[in-house]
Amino acid sequence: MEPDSIAEEAGIEPGDRLLSINGQKIKDIFDYRFLTTEEKLILCIEKRDGEIWEVEIEKEQYEDLGIEFENPMIDDATSCTNKCIFCFIDQLPKGMRKTLYFKDDDTRLSFLTGNYVTLTNIDNRQIERIVKYKMSPVNVSVHTTNPELRVFMLNNRFAGDVLDKIKKLTDGGIIVNCQIVLCKDINDGDELERTIADLGSLYPGVRSISAVPVGITKYRDGLYKLEPFDKESSKIVINQIAGWQKDFLKKYGTRLVYAADEFYIMAGLELPKYEEYEDFPQLENGVGLIALFRQEFYEHLENLNVKVPKNYKRNVSIATGVLAYRYIKKMAEDLEKKIENLKINVYEIKNNFFGENVTVTGLLTGTDIVSQLSGKELGDVLLISRSTLKAGEDLLLDDYTVGDLEKQLNIKVCAVENNGGEFIRSIIGLE
């Protein structure tokens, strides 16, 4: 309970169980939030000793009761019922922490945390509930709007009606962001054209669409055979996206559909300009991440006004994935020119743990960082991206901790947020 809250004053205590509000059972946090907007409430509470209380409360409309739940969502997350041919979790090696193997597919988590969901495990009643509670936006893993192809790709006979479900959501005023995981020679080419056309017809309800390349690890024994995108196939995807962007700009005043950064890098092409990503609606999917980071970096670099002590001397190392390496390297070189006696070593870490087809920094492991940096000149501090760590913890994917890195590499390790200004401050090391 929050101190001095309505709940505390009413005698509600930690360990109590909320059963209903105004006679309606509480399924999850959305029921709770919706029902507690009323001014007069009757809470049915099961006390720790099993005694049932009816607590009458009068309050201002929308005034918070101050109740905190052990599980923030109240009930458990809905797990995924699909068996997608491209599922990244199915490509994880054995022996990693159990939480990494949980496949969530809960629309409520999409609203609360930005997760992408397939909509295969919700029906019309649940869609109506999303609309009723205004759970907007919802992020949907579409992949294809071809019903038969989607059934095949998700290995779920209930997967074919995604477009109908998205339309029901948008008709109800829900904003939908869509993701297309592209698998070479499966849902690209003409199928990608169809998918973009179908989703684009639902604008402005469908607010953004991303196309991202399938992630392929080396742990695919017994799984559907997938081929990674190469330079030429990446160019084809980019040209398709560019054509649709031109059409949507003319029709809607927005580009609407975007390709992930990986496609441009694999194609050997320059990334789009910062302005072309508009309000960066698909950052979590790696769309515009580098462009935004570069923009933040150079804005801060241009306005940098740091008083460097006469005895200032600093040697910094940065560990980054293959995808971002050349961009981080260039930024480091430009910062070195600005600050005298600053040396920056940028190290490209290949992903041997998952396989070299995995190039994003966020999937780097402690194993690879240690093995590839051992014996290298690391200087005063090693910077790693915060994206490599579990949220709120200092744990990497392979259960290495920041402390483990420090011990094995004999250097201070600092995790840095994906922000250009914070990046500069961490490198310089001056308050």
Protein backbone atom coordinates (compact mmCIF):
# COMPACT_ATOMS: atom_id res chain seq x y z
CA MET A 1 0.00 0.00 0.00
CA GLU A 2 1.12 3.56 -0.65
CA PRO A 3 1.59 5.46 2.64
CA ASP A 4 -1.34 7.69 3.66
CA SER A 5 -3.41 6.39 0.75
CA ILE A 6 -7.14 5.71 0.63
CA ALA A 7 -6.43 1.97 0.75
CA GLU A 8 -4.26 2.27 3.87
CA GLU A 9 -6.88 4.37 5.65
CA ALA A 10 -9.51 1.75 4.78
CA GLY A 11 -7.48 -0.96 6.51
CA ILE A 12 -6.31 -2.76 3.39
CA GLU A 13 -2.95 -4.44 4.07
CA PRO A 14 -0.12 -6.18 2.20
CA GLY A 15 -1.11 -9.79 1.54
CA ASP A 16 -4.81 -9.00 1.14
CA ARG A 17 -6.56 -10.16 -2.03
CA LEU A 18 -8.89 -7.96 -4.07
CA LEU A 19 -11.85 -10.05 -5.27
CA SER A 20 -14.25 -7.56 -6.82
CA ILE A 21 -15.18 -3.90 -7.21
CA ASN A 22 -18.88 -2.96 -7.17
CA GLY A 23 -19.76 -6.62 -7.61
CA GLN A 24 -17.52 -7.15 -10.67
CA LYS A 25 -14.65 -9.63 -10.51
CA ILE A 26 -11.16 -8.32 -11.20
CA LYS A 27 -9.37 -10.18 -13.99
CA ASP A 28 -6.42 -7.87 -14.52
CA ILE A 29 -5.06 -4.34 -14.04
CA PHE A 30 -7.33 -2.98 -16.77
CA ASP A 31 -10.47 -4.10 -14.92
CA TYR A 32 -9.05 -2.48 -11.80
CA ARG A 33 -8.23 0.83 -13.48
CA PHE A 34 -11.57 1.02 -15.27
CA LEU A 35 -13.70 0.18 -12.24
CA THR A 36 -11.84 2.46 -9.82
CA THR A 37 -12.68 5.58 -11.82
CA GLU A 38 -16.05 5.70 -10.04
CA GLU A 39 -16.60 7.98 -7.02
CA LYS A 40 -18.36 5.36 -4.90
CA LEU A 41 -16.80 1.93 -4.59
CA ILE A 42 -17.49 -1.27 -2.70
CA LEU A 43 -14.34 -3.41 -2.57
CA CYS A 44 -14.59 -7.08 -1.70
CA ILE A 45 -11.33 -7.97 0.07
CA GLU A 46 -10.12 -11.37 1.24
CA LYS A 47 -7.88 -10.81 4.27
CA ARG A 48 -4.77 -12.86 4.89
CA ASP A 49 -6.66 -14.96 7.49
CA GLY A 50 -9.44 -15.75 4.98
CA GLU A 51 -11.96 -13.27 6.38
CA ILE A 52 -14.00 -11.44 3.71
CA TRP A 53 -14.40 -7.67 4.06
CA GLU A 54 -16.65 -5.29 2.17
CA VAL A 55 -14.93 -1.91 2.12
CA GLU A 56 -16.99 1.13 1.15
CA ILE A 57 -15.02 4.03 -0.32
CA GLU A 58 -16.02 7.50 -1.45
CA LYS A 59 -13.45 9.49 -3.40
CA GLU A 60 -12.94 11.91 -6.23
CA GLN A 61 -13.44 10.54 -9.74
CA TYR A 62 -10.18 9.05 -11.07
CA GLU A 63 -8.52 9.47 -7.63
CA ASP A 64 -6.07 6.63 -7.06
CA LEU A 65 -6.69 4.17 -4.22
CA GLY A 66 -3.00 3.55 -3.60
CA ILE A 67 -3.18 -0.22 -4.00
CA GLU A 68 -0.05 -1.90 -5.37
CA PHE A 69 -0.20 -5.46 -6.70
CA GLU A 70 2.39 -8.20 -6.32
CA ASN A 71 1.98 -8.91 -10.04
CA PRO A 72 1.64 -5.51 -11.79
CA MET A 73 -0.74 -7.06 -14.32
CA ILE A 74 -2.61 -8.99 -11.54
CA ASP A 75 -2.90 -12.19 -13.57
CA ASP A 76 -0.31 -14.12 -15.60
CA ALA A 77 0.69 -13.18 -19.12
CA THR A 78 -0.80 -15.15 -22.01
CA SER A 79 1.76 -17.38 -23.69
CA CYS A 80 2.21 -17.86 -27.41
CA THR A 81 0.39 -20.73 -29.12
CA ASN A 82 2.21 -20.37 -32.44
CA LYS A 83 5.15 -22.33 -33.76
CA CYS A 84 6.57 -19.75 -36.13
CA ILE A 85 9.10 -20.95 -38.68
CA PHE A 86 11.31 -17.97 -37.76
CA CYS A 87 10.85 -17.87 -33.97
CA PHE A 88 14.02 -16.55 -32.33
CA ILE A 89 13.29 -18.28 -29.02
CA ASP A 90 13.27 -21.66 -30.77
CA GLN A 91 16.79 -20.79 -31.93
CA LEU A 92 18.23 -20.29 -28.45
CA PRO A 93 20.76 -22.81 -27.14
CA LYS A 94 19.84 -24.96 -24.16
CA GLY A 95 20.89 -24.04 -20.64
CA MET A 96 20.06 -20.32 -20.61
CA ARG A 97 17.87 -18.80 -17.86
CA LYS A 98 14.27 -20.01 -17.97
CA THR A 99 12.69 -16.58 -18.51
CA LEU A 100 14.34 -16.32 -21.94
CA TYR A 101 12.33 -19.29 -23.19
CA PHE A 102 8.91 -17.87 -22.27
CA LYS A 103 6.97 -16.83 -25.37
CA ASP A 104 4.51 -14.11 -24.40
CA ASP A 105 1.73 -13.18 -26.78
CA ASP A 106 -0.39 -11.00 -24.53
CA THR A 107 -2.15 -8.01 -26.05
CA ARG A 108 -2.20 -6.30 -22.67
CA LEU A 109 1.60 -6.40 -22.56
CA SER A 110 1.64 -4.87 -26.01
CA PHE A 111 -0.17 -1.87 -24.58
CA LEU A 112 1.79 -1.75 -21.32
CA THR A 113 5.33 -2.47 -22.53
CA GLY A 114 5.29 -2.22 -26.32
CA ASN A 115 5.58 -5.96 -27.03
CA TYR A 116 4.52 -7.22 -30.44
CA VAL A 117 1.71 -9.80 -30.50
CA THR A 118 0.19 -12.00 -33.20
CA LEU A 119 -3.53 -11.73 -32.22
CA THR A 120 -3.92 -15.48 -32.76
CA ASN A 121 -5.15 -16.09 -29.21
CA ILE A 122 -7.83 -13.40 -28.95
CA ASP A 123 -11.46 -13.49 -30.09
CA ASN A 124 -14.10 -10.85 -30.79
CA ARG A 125 -14.98 -10.57 -27.10
CA GLN A 126 -11.37 -9.76 -26.24
CA ILE A 127 -11.13 -7.29 -29.11
CA GLU A 128 -14.22 -5.54 -27.74
CA ARG A 129 -12.51 -5.41 -24.33
CA ILE A 130 -9.40 -3.78 -25.87
CA VAL A 131 -11.65 -1.17 -27.49
CA LYS A 132 -13.67 -0.67 -24.29
CA TYR A 133 -10.57 -0.05 -22.20
CA LYS A 134 -8.86 1.96 -24.96
CA MET A 135 -5.71 -0.17 -24.88
CA SER A 136 -4.03 1.89 -27.56
CA PRO A 137 -1.62 1.50 -29.25
CA VAL A 138 -1.39 -2.23 -29.95
CA ASN A 139 1.70 -3.58 -31.71
CA VAL A 140 1.01 -6.49 -34.04
CA SER A 141 3.39 -9.01 -35.60
CA VAL A 142 1.66 -9.36 -38.97
CA HIS A 143 4.36 -10.85 -41.26
CA THR A 144 1.83 -11.37 -44.05
CA THR A 145 -1.81 -10.61 -44.76
CA ASN A 146 -2.12 -13.67 -47.02
CA PRO A 147 -4.26 -15.98 -44.83
CA GLU A 148 -2.83 -19.25 -46.12
CA LEU A 149 0.75 -18.04 -45.95
CA ARG A 150 0.30 -16.70 -42.42
CA VAL A 151 -1.15 -20.03 -41.27
CA PHE A 152 1.98 -21.68 -42.67
CA MET A 153 4.47 -19.17 -41.24
CA LEU A 154 2.95 -19.20 -37.75
CA ASN A 155 2.06 -22.90 -37.82
CA ASN A 156 -1.35 -22.01 -36.44
CA ARG A 157 -4.65 -22.69 -38.19
CA PHE A 158 -6.17 -19.68 -36.42
CA ALA A 159 -3.61 -17.22 -37.81
CA GLY A 160 -5.26 -16.33 -41.11
CA ASP A 161 -7.70 -13.64 -39.96
CA VAL A 162 -5.16 -11.05 -38.77
CA LEU A 163 -6.33 -8.35 -41.21
CA ASP A 164 -9.94 -8.68 -40.02
CA LYS A 165 -8.81 -8.37 -36.39
CA ILE A 166 -6.66 -5.34 -37.11
CA LYS A 167 -9.60 -3.70 -38.91
CA LYS A 168 -11.88 -4.32 -35.91
CA LEU A 169 -9.29 -2.70 -33.66
CA THR A 170 -8.82 0.34 -35.91
CA ASP A 171 -12.59 0.69 -36.40
CA GLY A 172 -12.80 0.86 -32.61
CA GLY A 173 -10.33 3.74 -32.45
CA ILE A 174 -7.27 1.66 -31.53
CA ILE A 175 -3.93 2.67 -33.07
CA VAL A 176 -1.99 -0.29 -34.48
CA ASN A 177 1.72 -0.50 -35.29
CA CYS A 178 2.63 -3.43 -37.52
CA GLN A 179 5.76 -5.51 -37.86
CA ILE A 180 6.73 -7.72 -40.80
CA VAL A 181 9.54 -10.19 -40.13
CA LEU A 182 10.77 -10.88 -43.65
CA CYS A 183 11.88 -14.38 -44.57
CA LYS A 184 13.72 -14.59 -47.87
CA ASP A 185 11.69 -16.20 -50.67
CA ILE A 186 8.70 -16.70 -48.36
CA ASN A 187 6.92 -13.45 -47.50
CA ASP A 188 9.05 -10.95 -49.45
CA GLY A 189 8.58 -9.91 -53.10
CA ASP A 190 4.94 -9.97 -54.22
CA GLU A 191 3.78 -11.09 -50.79
CA LEU A 192 5.41 -8.03 -49.21
CA GLU A 193 3.63 -5.85 -51.78
CA ARG A 194 0.31 -7.38 -50.80
CA THR A 195 0.94 -7.00 -47.08
CA ILE A 196 1.97 -3.35 -47.30
CA ALA A 197 -1.00 -2.54 -49.55
CA ASP A 198 -3.46 -4.24 -47.20
CA LEU A 199 -2.08 -2.59 -44.06
CA GLY A 200 -1.66 0.77 -45.75
CA SER A 201 -5.36 0.80 -46.66
CA LEU A 202 -6.14 0.94 -42.92
CA TYR A 203 -4.32 4.23 -42.31
CA PRO A 204 -4.63 6.21 -40.02
CA GLY A 205 -5.66 3.32 -37.75
CA VAL A 206 -2.53 1.49 -38.82
CA ARG A 207 -0.03 4.15 -37.84
CA SER A 208 3.29 2.52 -38.84
CA ILE A 209 4.68 -0.57 -40.56
CA SER A 210 8.20 -1.99 -40.27
CA ALA A 211 9.99 -4.61 -42.33
CA VAL A 212 12.79 -6.36 -40.46
CA PRO A 213 15.01 -9.24 -41.62
CA VAL A 214 14.57 -12.59 -39.91
CA GLY A 215 17.12 -13.30 -37.19
CA ILE A 216 18.93 -16.57 -37.83
CA THR A 217 21.13 -18.17 -35.18
CA LYS A 218 23.34 -21.22 -35.54
CA TYR A 219 20.93 -23.27 -33.40
CA ARG A 220 18.43 -24.27 -36.09
CA ASP A 221 18.74 -28.06 -36.14
CA GLY A 222 15.35 -29.55 -36.97
CA LEU A 223 13.80 -26.17 -37.76
CA TYR A 224 12.49 -24.88 -41.09
CA LYS A 225 15.34 -23.97 -43.43
CA LEU A 226 15.73 -20.21 -43.79
CA GLU A 227 18.23 -18.23 -45.83
CA PRO A 228 19.61 -14.90 -44.63
CA PHE A 229 19.19 -11.79 -46.74
CA ASP A 230 22.26 -10.76 -48.75
CA LYS A 231 23.32 -7.56 -50.47
CA GLU A 232 21.12 -7.92 -53.55
CA SER A 233 17.99 -9.19 -51.80
CA SER A 234 18.33 -6.39 -49.24
CA LYS A 235 18.45 -3.82 -52.05
CA ILE A 236 15.23 -5.23 -53.49
CA VAL A 237 13.46 -4.84 -50.13
CA ILE A 238 14.72 -1.26 -49.75
CA ASN A 239 13.55 -0.33 -53.26
CA GLN A 240 10.12 -1.80 -52.53
CA ILE A 241 9.85 0.16 -49.30
CA ALA A 242 11.03 3.36 -50.99
CA GLY A 243 8.33 3.00 -53.66
CA TRP A 244 5.61 2.60 -51.06
CA GLN A 245 6.96 5.50 -49.02
CA LYS A 246 6.66 7.74 -52.07
CA ASP A 247 3.06 6.63 -52.63
CA PHE A 248 2.07 7.02 -48.97
CA LEU A 249 3.70 10.46 -48.72
CA LYS A 250 1.62 11.63 -51.64
CA LYS A 251 -1.58 10.00 -50.37
CA TYR A 252 -1.33 10.41 -46.58
CA GLY A 253 1.50 12.86 -45.92
CA THR A 254 3.51 10.16 -44.13
CA ARG A 255 5.93 7.47 -45.24
CA LEU A 256 4.09 4.93 -43.05
CA VAL A 257 6.37 1.96 -43.86
CA TYR A 258 10.05 1.65 -42.96
CA ALA A 259 12.88 -0.83 -43.42
CA ALA A 260 15.08 -1.85 -40.50
CA ASP A 261 18.61 -0.46 -40.34
CA GLU A 262 20.02 -3.92 -41.05
CA PHE A 263 18.68 -3.91 -44.60
CA TYR A 264 20.58 -0.74 -45.52
CA ILE A 265 23.81 -1.97 -43.96
CA MET A 266 23.55 -5.39 -45.62
CA ALA A 267 22.85 -3.65 -48.93
CA GLY A 268 25.88 -1.38 -48.52
CA LEU A 269 23.66 1.70 -48.77
CA GLU A 270 23.56 4.87 -46.72
CA LEU A 271 20.90 5.03 -44.06
CA PRO A 272 17.98 7.40 -44.66
CA LYS A 273 18.30 10.89 -43.24
CA TYR A 274 17.11 11.60 -39.71
CA GLU A 275 14.07 13.51 -40.99
CA GLU A 276 12.91 10.59 -43.11
CA TYR A 277 12.05 8.57 -40.00
CA GLU A 278 9.49 11.23 -39.01
CA ASP A 279 8.60 10.57 -35.33
CA PHE A 280 10.53 7.26 -35.17
CA PRO A 281 7.50 5.03 -34.56
CA GLN A 282 9.43 1.74 -34.85
CA LEU A 283 12.61 2.29 -32.85
CA GLU A 284 12.12 -0.92 -30.86
CA ASN A 285 12.34 -2.83 -34.12
CA GLY A 286 15.68 -1.29 -35.03
CA VAL A 287 14.16 1.18 -37.46
CA GLY A 288 16.05 4.46 -37.38
CA LEU A 289 17.99 3.57 -34.26
CA ILE A 290 21.36 4.49 -35.75
CA ALA A 291 20.02 7.66 -37.42
CA LEU A 292 18.57 8.89 -34.12
CA PHE A 293 21.73 8.01 -32.19
CA ARG A 294 23.91 9.83 -34.73
CA GLN A 295 21.67 12.89 -34.66
CA GLU A 296 21.81 13.07 -30.86
CA PHE A 297 25.56 12.53 -30.91
CA TYR A 298 26.40 15.25 -33.42
CA GLU A 299 23.98 17.75 -31.89
CA HIS A 300 25.74 17.33 -28.55
CA LEU A 301 29.17 17.31 -30.21
CA GLU A 302 28.46 20.59 -32.01
CA ASN A 303 27.36 22.25 -28.78
CA LEU A 304 30.00 20.60 -26.63
CA ASN A 305 31.49 23.02 -24.13
CA VAL A 306 33.59 21.07 -21.68
CA LYS A 307 36.37 22.48 -19.55
CA VAL A 308 39.09 19.86 -19.73
CA PRO A 309 41.64 19.93 -16.87
CA LYS A 310 45.25 20.52 -17.84
CA ASN A 311 46.23 17.05 -16.66
CA TYR A 312 43.30 15.37 -18.49
CA LYS A 313 44.18 12.08 -20.11
CA ARG A 314 41.66 9.34 -20.82
CA ASN A 315 41.73 6.03 -22.69
CA VAL A 316 38.31 4.49 -23.35
CA SER A 317 37.21 1.27 -25.06
CA ILE A 318 33.83 0.58 -26.63
CA ALA A 319 32.41 -2.86 -27.41
CA THR A 320 29.79 -2.86 -30.16
CA GLY A 321 28.11 -5.28 -32.52
CA VAL A 322 28.97 -5.69 -36.20
CA LEU A 323 25.90 -3.75 -37.37
CA ALA A 324 26.77 -0.46 -35.68
CA TYR A 325 30.57 -0.75 -35.71
CA ARG A 326 31.48 1.62 -38.56
CA TYR A 327 29.08 4.28 -37.30
CA ILE A 328 30.39 4.09 -33.73
CA LYS A 329 33.96 4.13 -35.06
CA LYS A 330 33.33 7.32 -37.06
CA MET A 331 31.67 9.05 -34.10
CA ALA A 332 34.59 8.10 -31.86
CA GLU A 333 37.09 9.54 -34.33
CA ASP A 334 35.16 12.82 -34.52
CA LEU A 335 35.00 13.08 -30.74
CA GLU A 336 38.75 12.45 -30.44
CA LYS A 337 39.34 15.46 -32.69
CA LYS A 338 37.34 17.59 -30.32
CA ILE A 339 38.94 16.54 -27.01
CA GLU A 340 42.70 16.66 -26.58
CA ASN A 341 44.36 13.65 -24.88
CA LEU A 342 41.26 11.48 -25.39
CA LYS A 343 41.85 8.07 -26.96
CA ILE A 344 38.94 5.83 -27.94
CA ASN A 345 39.31 2.19 -28.95
CA VAL A 346 36.25 0.80 -30.72
CA TYR A 347 36.05 -2.99 -30.89
CA GLU A 348 33.75 -4.90 -33.21
CA ILE A 349 32.41 -7.95 -31.37
CA LYS A 350 31.35 -10.82 -33.61
CA ASN A 351 28.49 -12.90 -32.26
CA ASN A 352 29.99 -16.36 -31.99
CA PHE A 353 27.49 -17.29 -29.29
CA PHE A 354 24.43 -17.10 -31.54
CA GLY A 355 26.23 -17.16 -34.87
CA GLU A 356 27.65 -14.44 -37.11
CA ASN A 357 24.30 -13.83 -38.83
CA VAL A 358 23.28 -12.08 -35.59
CA THR A 359 24.85 -8.62 -35.80
CA VAL A 360 22.90 -6.35 -33.43
CA THR A 361 24.63 -5.02 -30.32
CA GLY A 362 21.72 -5.89 -28.02
CA LEU A 363 22.34 -9.63 -28.50
CA LEU A 364 26.01 -9.59 -27.54
CA THR A 365 27.00 -11.92 -24.72
CA GLY A 366 29.58 -11.75 -21.97
CA THR A 367 31.24 -14.83 -23.43
CA ASP A 368 31.99 -13.10 -26.72
CA ILE A 369 32.98 -9.80 -25.14
CA VAL A 370 35.48 -11.49 -22.83
CA SER A 371 36.94 -13.87 -25.42
CA GLN A 372 37.40 -11.16 -28.06
CA LEU A 373 38.71 -8.41 -25.78
CA SER A 374 41.09 -10.45 -23.65
CA GLY A 375 44.63 -9.17 -24.19
CA LYS A 376 43.44 -6.04 -26.04
CA GLU A 377 44.29 -2.49 -25.04
CA LEU A 378 41.23 -1.41 -23.03
CA GLY A 379 42.50 1.66 -21.21
CA ASP A 380 40.63 3.16 -18.25
CA VAL A 381 37.09 1.95 -18.84
CA LEU A 382 35.08 -0.32 -21.14
CA LEU A 383 31.72 0.95 -22.36
CA ILE A 384 28.95 -1.46 -23.33
CA SER A 385 25.42 -0.71 -24.46
CA ARG A 386 22.67 -0.87 -21.85
CA SER A 387 20.68 -2.83 -24.47
CA THR A 388 22.93 -5.86 -23.82
CA LEU A 389 21.61 -6.11 -20.24
CA LYS A 390 18.37 -7.42 -18.79
CA ALA A 391 16.03 -4.55 -17.95
CA GLY A 392 16.77 -3.18 -14.50
CA GLU A 393 19.67 -5.59 -13.93
CA ASP A 394 23.35 -5.94 -14.83
CA LEU A 395 22.88 -9.39 -16.40
CA LEU A 396 23.78 -10.25 -20.00
CA LEU A 397 22.00 -12.92 -22.04
CA ASP A 398 24.45 -15.67 -21.06
CA ASP A 399 24.19 -14.76 -17.34
CA TYR A 400 27.47 -12.89 -17.28
CA THR A 401 27.22 -9.87 -15.01
CA VAL A 402 28.94 -6.52 -15.40
CA GLY A 403 31.02 -7.58 -12.40
CA ASP A 404 32.07 -10.75 -14.23
CA LEU A 405 33.27 -8.67 -17.18
CA GLU A 406 35.21 -6.38 -14.86
CA LYS A 407 36.85 -9.30 -13.09
CA GLN A 408 37.83 -11.23 -16.21
CA LEU A 409 38.98 -8.23 -18.24
CA ASN A 410 40.46 -6.40 -15.24
CA ILE A 411 38.82 -3.11 -16.14
CA LYS A 412 35.91 -0.95 -15.02
CA VAL A 413 32.83 -1.59 -17.17
CA CYS A 414 30.11 1.02 -17.66
CA ALA A 415 26.74 0.37 -19.35
CA VAL A 416 25.58 3.31 -21.46
CA GLU A 417 22.04 4.16 -22.56
CA ASN A 418 21.29 4.37 -26.28
CA ASN A 419 21.49 8.14 -26.27
CA GLY A 420 24.05 10.18 -28.17
CA GLY A 421 24.50 12.78 -25.43
CA GLU A 422 24.91 10.17 -22.70
CA PHE A 423 27.38 8.36 -24.97
CA ILE A 424 29.58 11.45 -25.20
CA ARG A 425 29.43 12.10 -21.46
CA SER A 426 30.40 8.51 -20.67
CA ILE A 427 33.35 8.65 -23.04
CA ILE A 428 34.70 11.95 -21.78
CA GLY A 429 34.20 10.98 -18.14
CA LEU A 430 33.79 14.53 -16.85
CA GLU A 431 30.82 15.82 -14.92
